[in-house]
Amino acid sequence: MDKEKVHQKEQPNNPMHGMKLITILELLVEQYGWERLAMKININCFKNDPSIKSSLKFLRKTQWARDKVEQLYLDLKKKNK
């Protein structure tokens, strides 16, 4: 049984369970690009010289920003069902 299925069994009602922040961020950048992502979530690490590394550093320290990123991911996931 692969890891994702095990995670889903452990917490089937938690869509964020087992999701890594880097994976979420990479998916959002792939979907929207940095410019559109910065329009959706107004934080400097998405606007000024954006990178995965600098964004991860900021998001790990700043819970409100991480919450917005996670919510955008959930909205995207729901939209693509």
Protein backbone atom coordinates (compact mmCIF):
# COMPACT_ATOMS: atom_id res chain seq x y z
CA MET A 1 0.00 0.00 0.00
CA ASP A 2 1.50 3.36 -0.95
CA LYS A 3 2.04 6.21 1.50
CA GLU A 4 -0.76 8.42 0.16
CA LYS A 5 -3.39 5.72 0.67
CA VAL A 6 -2.11 5.07 4.19
CA HIS A 7 -2.37 8.81 4.96
CA GLN A 8 -5.90 8.94 3.60
CA LYS A 9 -6.92 6.02 5.81
CA GLU A 10 -5.42 7.67 8.90
CA GLN A 11 -7.23 10.98 8.36
CA PRO A 12 -9.74 10.58 5.52
CA ASN A 13 -11.47 13.92 6.27
CA ASN A 14 -8.29 16.00 6.27
CA PRO A 15 -7.28 16.88 2.69
CA MET A 16 -4.07 18.51 3.94
CA HIS A 17 -2.84 15.43 5.81
CA GLY A 18 0.44 14.26 4.35
CA MET A 19 0.80 17.25 2.03
CA LYS A 20 4.16 18.97 2.19
CA LEU A 21 4.32 22.74 1.93
CA ILE A 22 6.89 22.52 -0.87
CA THR A 23 4.53 20.32 -2.91
CA ILE A 24 1.62 22.71 -2.41
CA LEU A 25 3.76 25.71 -3.35
CA GLU A 26 5.14 24.02 -6.47
CA LEU A 27 1.62 23.07 -7.60
CA LEU A 28 0.35 26.63 -7.10
CA VAL A 29 3.31 28.15 -8.96
CA GLU A 30 2.79 25.67 -11.80
CA GLN A 31 -0.93 26.49 -11.93
CA TYR A 32 -0.81 30.27 -11.56
CA GLY A 33 2.79 31.45 -11.98
CA TRP A 34 4.39 33.86 -9.52
CA GLU A 35 2.65 36.97 -10.83
CA ARG A 36 -0.90 35.61 -10.56
CA LEU A 37 -0.07 33.93 -7.25
CA ALA A 38 1.05 37.33 -5.89
CA MET A 39 -2.26 38.82 -7.05
CA LYS A 40 -4.21 36.11 -5.24
CA ILE A 41 -2.09 36.23 -2.07
CA ASN A 42 -0.49 39.63 -1.53
CA ILE A 43 2.83 38.77 0.12
CA ASN A 44 6.25 40.14 -0.81
CA CYS A 45 7.94 36.76 -1.22
CA PHE A 46 5.63 36.14 -4.21
CA LYS A 47 6.16 39.63 -5.68
CA ASN A 48 9.83 40.56 -5.24
CA ASP A 49 12.35 38.13 -6.75
CA PRO A 50 10.20 35.07 -5.92
CA SER A 51 11.65 31.62 -5.40
CA ILE A 52 10.48 28.39 -3.82
CA LYS A 53 13.26 28.58 -1.22
CA SER A 54 12.50 32.14 -0.03
CA SER A 55 8.76 31.53 -0.06
CA LEU A 56 9.10 28.34 2.01
CA LYS A 57 11.25 30.17 4.55
CA PHE A 58 8.64 32.93 4.92
CA LEU A 59 5.63 30.59 4.96
CA ARG A 60 7.15 28.36 7.63
CA LYS A 61 7.55 31.40 9.92
CA THR A 62 4.26 33.15 9.10
CA GLN A 63 1.13 31.14 9.90
CA TRP A 64 -1.43 33.57 8.42
CA ALA A 65 0.35 33.46 5.06
CA ARG A 66 0.66 29.69 5.18
CA ASP A 67 -3.07 29.45 5.93
CA LYS A 68 -3.83 31.50 2.81
CA VAL A 69 -1.58 29.31 0.66
CA GLU A 70 -3.18 26.15 2.01
CA GLN A 71 -6.67 27.56 1.44
CA LEU A 72 -5.82 28.49 -2.15
CA TYR A 73 -4.56 24.93 -2.68
CA LEU A 74 -7.79 23.48 -1.24
CA ASP A 75 -9.88 25.80 -3.44
CA LEU A 76 -7.89 24.72 -6.51
CA LYS A 77 -8.24 21.05 -5.60
CA LYS A 78 -12.01 21.45 -5.14
CA LYS A 79 -12.32 23.32 -8.45
CA ASN A 80 -10.44 20.59 -10.33
CA LYS A 81 -12.55 17.67 -9.04
